[in-house]
């Protein structure tokens, strides 16, 4: 049985206001390509993404 490949884009949680698709900050984003979306420009994250990113960063800071 083959082990699935897991790709990790960020070693830590992206910033809460990072791109919806890739997590990169708006001020340095430009046009980027990722397999799940293809070529994209910065897109506002959903409320749920922002909340999850804030929780992940808070949890990592406590550890």
PDB file of N, CA and C in Angstrom:
ATOM      1  N   UNK A   1       0.843  -1.179   0.000  1.00  0.00           N
ATOM      2  CA  UNK A   1       0.000   0.000   0.000  1.00  0.00           C
ATOM      3  C   UNK A   1       0.890   1.244   0.000  1.00  0.00           C
ATOM      4  N   UNK A   2       0.579   2.195  -0.850  1.00  0.00           N
ATOM      5  CA  UNK A   2       1.367   3.420  -0.956  1.00  0.00           C
ATOM      6  C   UNK A   2       0.925   4.444   0.076  1.00  0.00           C
ATOM      7  N   UNK A   3       1.886   5.160   0.602  1.00  0.00           N
ATOM      8  CA  UNK A   3       1.605   6.235   1.540  1.00  0.00           C
ATOM      9  C   UNK A   3       1.185   7.470   0.756  1.00  0.00           C
ATOM     10  N   UNK A   4       0.068   8.094   1.130  1.00  0.00           N
ATOM     11  CA  UNK A   4      -0.362   9.294   0.401  1.00  0.00           C
ATOM     12  C   UNK A   4       0.620  10.443   0.607  1.00  0.00           C
ATOM     13  N   UNK A   5       0.732  11.294  -0.382  1.00  0.00           N
ATOM     14  CA  UNK A   5       1.580  12.470  -0.304  1.00  0.00           C
ATOM     15  C   UNK A   5       0.792  13.596   0.339  1.00  0.00           C
ATOM     16  N   UNK A   6       1.366  14.191   1.348  1.00  0.00           N
ATOM     17  CA  UNK A   6       0.732  15.315   2.020  1.00  0.00           C
ATOM     18  C   UNK A   6       1.597  16.541   1.775  1.00  0.00           C
ATOM     19  N   UNK A   7       1.014  17.558   1.161  1.00  0.00           N
ATOM     20  CA  UNK A   7       1.740  18.788   0.900  1.00  0.00           C
ATOM     21  C   UNK A   7       1.314  19.847   1.906  1.00  0.00           C
ATOM     22  N   UNK A   8       2.291  20.517   2.473  1.00  0.00           N
ATOM     23  CA  UNK A   8       2.026  21.562   3.451  1.00  0.00           C
ATOM     24  C   UNK A   8       2.556  22.872   2.900  1.00  0.00           C
ATOM     25  N   UNK A   9       1.681  23.815   2.663  1.00  0.00           N
ATOM     26  CA  UNK A   9       2.087  25.106   2.102  1.00  0.00           C
ATOM     27  C   UNK A   9       2.706  25.997   3.168  1.00  0.00           C
ATOM     28  N   UNK A  10       2.161  25.976   4.367  1.00  0.00           N
ATOM     29  CA  UNK A  10       2.641  26.821   5.450  1.00  0.00           C
ATOM     30  C   UNK A  10       2.994  25.947   6.645  1.00  0.00           C
ATOM     31  N   UNK A  11       4.142  26.198   7.243  1.00  0.00           N
ATOM     32  CA  UNK A  11       4.534  25.461   8.443  1.00  0.00           C
ATOM     33  C   UNK A  11       3.719  25.935   9.646  1.00  0.00           C
ATOM     34  N   UNK A  12       3.261  27.172   9.610  1.00  0.00           N
ATOM     35  CA  UNK A  12       2.398  27.724  10.648  1.00  0.00           C
ATOM     36  C   UNK A  12       1.106  28.195   9.986  1.00  0.00           C
ATOM     37  N   UNK A  13       0.149  28.551  10.806  1.00  0.00           N
ATOM     38  CA  UNK A  13      -1.127  29.031  10.272  1.00  0.00           C
ATOM     39  C   UNK A  13      -0.928  30.332   9.491  1.00  0.00           C
ATOM     40  N   UNK A  14      -1.590  30.468   8.342  1.00  0.00           N
ATOM     41  CA  UNK A  14      -1.482  31.724   7.593  1.00  0.00           C
ATOM     42  C   UNK A  14      -2.067  32.878   8.394  1.00  0.00           C
ATOM     43  N   UNK A  15      -1.716  34.099   8.050  1.00  0.00           N
ATOM     44  CA  UNK A  15      -2.316  35.238   8.755  1.00  0.00           C
ATOM     45  C   UNK A  15      -3.834  35.242   8.557  1.00  0.00           C
ATOM     46  N   UNK A  16      -4.588  35.704   9.546  1.00  0.00           N
ATOM     47  CA  UNK A  16      -6.048  35.686   9.442  1.00  0.00           C
ATOM     48  C   UNK A  16      -6.593  36.361   8.182  1.00  0.00           C
ATOM     49  N   UNK A  17      -5.919  37.396   7.687  1.00  0.00           N
ATOM     50  CA  UNK A  17      -6.406  38.091   6.498  1.00  0.00           C
ATOM     51  C   UNK A  17      -5.693  37.628   5.223  1.00  0.00           C
ATOM     52  N   UNK A  18      -4.977  36.511   5.289  1.00  0.00           N
ATOM     53  CA  UNK A  18      -4.299  35.980   4.105  1.00  0.00           C
ATOM     54  C   UNK A  18      -5.294  35.500   3.060  1.00  0.00           C
ATOM     55  N   UNK A  19      -4.813  35.282   1.859  1.00  0.00           N
ATOM     56  CA  UNK A  19      -5.644  34.859   0.724  1.00  0.00           C
ATOM     57  C   UNK A  19      -6.518  33.657   1.072  1.00  0.00           C
ATOM     58  N   UNK A  20      -7.729  33.688   0.595  1.00  0.00           N
ATOM     59  CA  UNK A  20      -8.676  32.594   0.802  1.00  0.00           C
ATOM     60  C   UNK A  20      -8.127  31.271   0.288  1.00  0.00           C
ATOM     61  N   UNK A  21      -7.406  31.306  -0.809  1.00  0.00           N
ATOM     62  CA  UNK A  21      -6.964  30.075  -1.457  1.00  0.00           C
ATOM     63  C   UNK A  21      -5.594  29.591  -0.998  1.00  0.00           C
ATOM     64  N   UNK A  22      -4.651  30.512  -0.782  1.00  0.00           N
ATOM     65  CA  UNK A  22      -3.288  30.071  -0.456  1.00  0.00           C
ATOM     66  C   UNK A  22      -2.769  30.598   0.866  1.00  0.00           C
ATOM     67  N   UNK A  23      -3.426  31.599   1.457  1.00  0.00           N
ATOM     68  CA  UNK A  23      -3.018  32.124   2.747  1.00  0.00           C
ATOM     69  C   UNK A  23      -1.975  33.217   2.712  1.00  0.00           C
ATOM     70  N   UNK A  24      -1.460  33.559   1.547  1.00  0.00           N
ATOM     71  CA  UNK A  24      -0.431  34.588   1.458  1.00  0.00           C
ATOM     72  C   UNK A  24      -1.029  35.978   1.684  1.00  0.00           C
ATOM     73  N   UNK A  25      -0.248  36.912   2.276  1.00  0.00           N
ATOM     74  CA  UNK A  25      -0.739  38.269   2.530  1.00  0.00           C
ATOM     75  C   UNK A  25      -1.073  39.023   1.245  1.00  0.00           C
ATOM     76  N   UNK A  26      -2.026  39.928   1.324  1.00  0.00           N
ATOM     77  CA  UNK A  26      -2.490  40.679   0.159  1.00  0.00           C
ATOM     78  C   UNK A  26      -1.402  41.582  -0.415  1.00  0.00           C
ATOM     79  N   UNK A  27      -0.609  42.215   0.451  1.00  0.00           N
ATOM     80  CA  UNK A  27       0.366  43.192  -0.031  1.00  0.00           C
ATOM     81  C   UNK A  27       1.511  42.594  -0.839  1.00  0.00           C
ATOM     82  N   UNK A  28       1.726  41.294  -0.743  1.00  0.00           N
ATOM     83  CA  UNK A  28       2.809  40.667  -1.511  1.00  0.00           C
ATOM     84  C   UNK A  28       2.316  39.503  -2.361  1.00  0.00           C
ATOM     85  N   UNK A  29       1.035  39.451  -2.630  1.00  0.00           N
ATOM     86  CA  UNK A  29       0.437  38.289  -3.295  1.00  0.00           C
ATOM     87  C   UNK A  29       0.666  38.240  -4.798  1.00  0.00           C
ATOM     88  N   UNK A  30       0.180  39.212  -5.535  1.00  0.00           N
ATOM     89  CA  UNK A  30       0.260  39.173  -6.993  1.00  0.00           C
ATOM     90  C   UNK A  30      -0.583  38.034  -7.551  1.00  0.00           C
ATOM     91  N   UNK A  31      -0.200  37.493  -8.710  1.00  0.00           N
ATOM     92  CA  UNK A  31      -0.877  36.331  -9.292  1.00  0.00           C
ATOM     93  C   UNK A  31      -0.063  35.085  -8.966  1.00  0.00           C
ATOM     94  N   UNK A  32      -0.753  34.062  -8.486  1.00  0.00           N
ATOM     95  CA  UNK A  32      -0.077  32.825  -8.110  1.00  0.00           C
ATOM     96  C   UNK A  32      -0.867  31.634  -8.622  1.00  0.00           C
ATOM     97  N   UNK A  33      -0.173  30.514  -8.723  1.00  0.00           N
ATOM     98  CA  UNK A  33      -0.812  29.280  -9.156  1.00  0.00           C
ATOM     99  C   UNK A  33      -0.693  28.249  -8.055  1.00  0.00           C
ATOM    100  N   UNK A  34      -1.810  27.598  -7.729  1.00  0.00           N
ATOM    101  CA  UNK A  34      -1.805  26.439  -6.844  1.00  0.00           C
ATOM    102  C   UNK A  34      -2.702  25.391  -7.480  1.00  0.00           C
ATOM    103  N   UNK A  35      -2.399  24.147  -7.238  1.00  0.00           N
ATOM    104  CA  UNK A  35      -3.098  23.051  -7.908  1.00  0.00           C
ATOM    105  C   UNK A  35      -4.603  23.047  -7.656  1.00  0.00           C
ATOM    106  N   UNK A  36      -5.027  23.376  -6.439  1.00  0.00           N
ATOM    107  CA  UNK A  36      -6.448  23.284  -6.110  1.00  0.00           C
ATOM    108  C   UNK A  36      -7.313  24.346  -6.784  1.00  0.00           C
ATOM    109  N   UNK A  37      -6.728  25.493  -7.140  1.00  0.00           N
ATOM    110  CA  UNK A  37      -7.498  26.600  -7.711  1.00  0.00           C
ATOM    111  C   UNK A  37      -6.984  27.013  -9.079  1.00  0.00           C
ATOM    112  N   UNK A  38      -5.694  26.822  -9.311  1.00  0.00           N
ATOM    113  CA  UNK A  38      -5.073  27.293 -10.542  1.00  0.00           C
ATOM    114  C   UNK A  38      -4.550  28.704 -10.343  1.00  0.00           C
ATOM    115  N   UNK A  39      -4.459  29.473 -11.401  1.00  0.00           N
ATOM    116  CA  UNK A  39      -3.977  30.848 -11.321  1.00  0.00           C
ATOM    117  C   UNK A  39      -5.031  31.704 -10.628  1.00  0.00           C
ATOM    118  N   UNK A  40      -4.591  32.462  -9.651  1.00  0.00           N
ATOM    119  CA  UNK A  40      -5.530  33.307  -8.917  1.00  0.00           C
ATOM    120  C   UNK A  40      -4.822  34.552  -8.398  1.00  0.00           C
ATOM    121  N   UNK A  41      -5.608  35.563  -8.080  1.00  0.00           N
ATOM    122  CA  UNK A  41      -5.121  36.742  -7.386  1.00  0.00           C
ATOM    123  C   UNK A  41      -5.667  36.663  -5.962  1.00  0.00           C
ATOM    124  N   UNK A  42      -5.241  37.583  -5.098  1.00  0.00           N
ATOM    125  CA  UNK A  42      -5.668  37.541  -3.712  1.00  0.00           C
ATOM    126  C   UNK A  42      -7.180  37.576  -3.616  1.00  0.00           C
ATOM    127  N   UNK A  43      -7.745  36.726  -2.773  1.00  0.00           N
ATOM    128  CA  UNK A  43      -9.188  36.699  -2.529  1.00  0.00           C
ATOM    129  C   UNK A  43      -9.417  36.769  -1.027  1.00  0.00           C
ATOM    130  N   UNK A  44     -10.398  37.548  -0.626  1.00  0.00           N
ATOM    131  CA  UNK A  44     -10.700  37.705   0.796  1.00  0.00           C
ATOM    132  C   UNK A  44     -11.087  36.367   1.412  1.00  0.00           C
ATOM    133  N   UNK A  45     -10.517  36.035   2.581  1.00  0.00           N
ATOM    134  CA  UNK A  45     -10.877  34.770   3.234  1.00  0.00           C
ATOM    135  C   UNK A  45     -12.295  34.833   3.793  1.00  0.00           C
ATOM    136  N   UNK A  46     -12.897  33.671   3.975  1.00  0.00           N
ATOM    137  CA  UNK A  46     -14.233  33.622   4.566  1.00  0.00           C
ATOM    138  C   UNK A  46     -14.143  33.921   6.053  1.00  0.00           C
ATOM    139  N   UNK A  47     -15.241  34.239   6.668  1.00  0.00           N
ATOM    140  CA  UNK A  47     -15.264  34.476   8.119  1.00  0.00           C
ATOM    141  C   UNK A  47     -14.777  33.244   8.870  1.00  0.00           C
ATOM    142  N   UNK A  48     -15.195  32.079   8.407  1.00  0.00           N
ATOM    143  CA  UNK A  48     -14.790  30.829   9.058  1.00  0.00           C
ATOM    144  C   UNK A  48     -13.279  30.614   8.941  1.00  0.00           C
ATOM    145  N   UNK A  49     -12.707  30.913   7.783  1.00  0.00           N
ATOM    146  CA  UNK A  49     -11.255  30.783   7.623  1.00  0.00           C
ATOM    147  C   UNK A  49     -10.523  31.718   8.574  1.00  0.00           C
ATOM    148  N   UNK A  50     -10.982  32.955   8.673  1.00  0.00           N
ATOM    149  CA  UNK A  50     -10.340  33.908   9.580  1.00  0.00           C
ATOM    150  C   UNK A  50     -10.388  33.400  11.018  1.00  0.00           C
ATOM    151  N   UNK A  51     -11.538  32.924  11.426  1.00  0.00           N
ATOM    152  CA  UNK A  51     -11.708  32.426  12.784  1.00  0.00           C
ATOM    153  C   UNK A  51     -10.791  31.229  13.041  1.00  0.00           C
ATOM    154  N   UNK A  52     -10.754  30.279  12.120  1.00  0.00           N
ATOM    155  CA  UNK A  52      -9.905  29.102  12.286  1.00  0.00           C
ATOM    156  C   UNK A  52      -8.430  29.476  12.326  1.00  0.00           C
ATOM    157  N   UNK A  53      -8.019  30.418  11.508  1.00  0.00           N
ATOM    158  CA  UNK A  53      -6.618  30.861  11.500  1.00  0.00           C
ATOM    159  C   UNK A  53      -6.252  31.545  12.809  1.00  0.00           C
ATOM    160  N   UNK A  54      -7.156  32.376  13.347  1.00  0.00           N
ATOM    161  CA  UNK A  54      -6.894  33.037  14.624  1.00  0.00           C
ATOM    162  C   UNK A  54      -6.788  32.009  15.745  1.00  0.00           C
ATOM    163  N   UNK A  55      -7.680  31.028  15.737  1.00  0.00           N
ATOM    164  CA  UNK A  55      -7.632  29.976  16.758  1.00  0.00           C
ATOM    165  C   UNK A  55      -6.345  29.163  16.666  1.00  0.00           C
ATOM    166  N   UNK A  56      -5.926  28.842  15.458  1.00  0.00           N
ATOM    167  CA  UNK A  56      -4.701  28.059  15.270  1.00  0.00           C
ATOM    168  C   UNK A  56      -3.479  28.836  15.744  1.00  0.00           C
ATOM    169  N   UNK A  57      -3.424  30.117  15.447  1.00  0.00           N
ATOM    170  CA  UNK A  57      -2.288  30.946  15.878  1.00  0.00           C
ATOM    171  C   UNK A  57      -2.266  31.092  17.399  1.00  0.00           C
ATOM    172  N   UNK A  58      -3.438  31.263  17.993  1.00  0.00           N
ATOM    173  CA  UNK A  58      -3.523  31.376  19.455  1.00  0.00           C
ATOM    174  C   UNK A  58      -3.086  30.077  20.114  1.00  0.00           C
ATOM    175  N   UNK A  59      -3.523  28.981  19.561  1.00  0.00           N
ATOM    176  CA  UNK A  59      -3.161  27.670  20.104  1.00  0.00           C
ATOM    177  C   UNK A  59      -1.652  27.418  19.982  1.00  0.00           C
ATOM    178  N   UNK A  60      -1.063  27.795  18.855  1.00  0.00           N
ATOM    179  CA  UNK A  60       0.377  27.610  18.660  1.00  0.00           C
ATOM    180  C   UNK A  60       1.178  28.497  19.605  1.00  0.00           C
ATOM    181  N   UNK A  61       0.674  29.684  19.901  1.00  0.00           N
ATOM    182  CA  UNK A  61       1.381  30.597  20.803  1.00  0.00           C
ATOM    183  C   UNK A  61       1.411  30.062  22.230  1.00  0.00           C
ATOM    184  N   UNK A  62       0.389  29.327  22.604  1.00  0.00           N
ATOM    185  CA  UNK A  62       0.318  28.753  23.944  1.00  0.00           C
ATOM    186  C   UNK A  62       1.226  27.544  24.106  1.00  0.00           C
ATOM    187  N   UNK A  63       1.508  26.875  23.026  1.00  0.00           N
ATOM    188  CA  UNK A  63       2.301  25.636  23.095  1.00  0.00           C
ATOM    189  C   UNK A  63       3.763  25.889  23.317  1.00  0.00           C
TER     190      UNK A  63
END
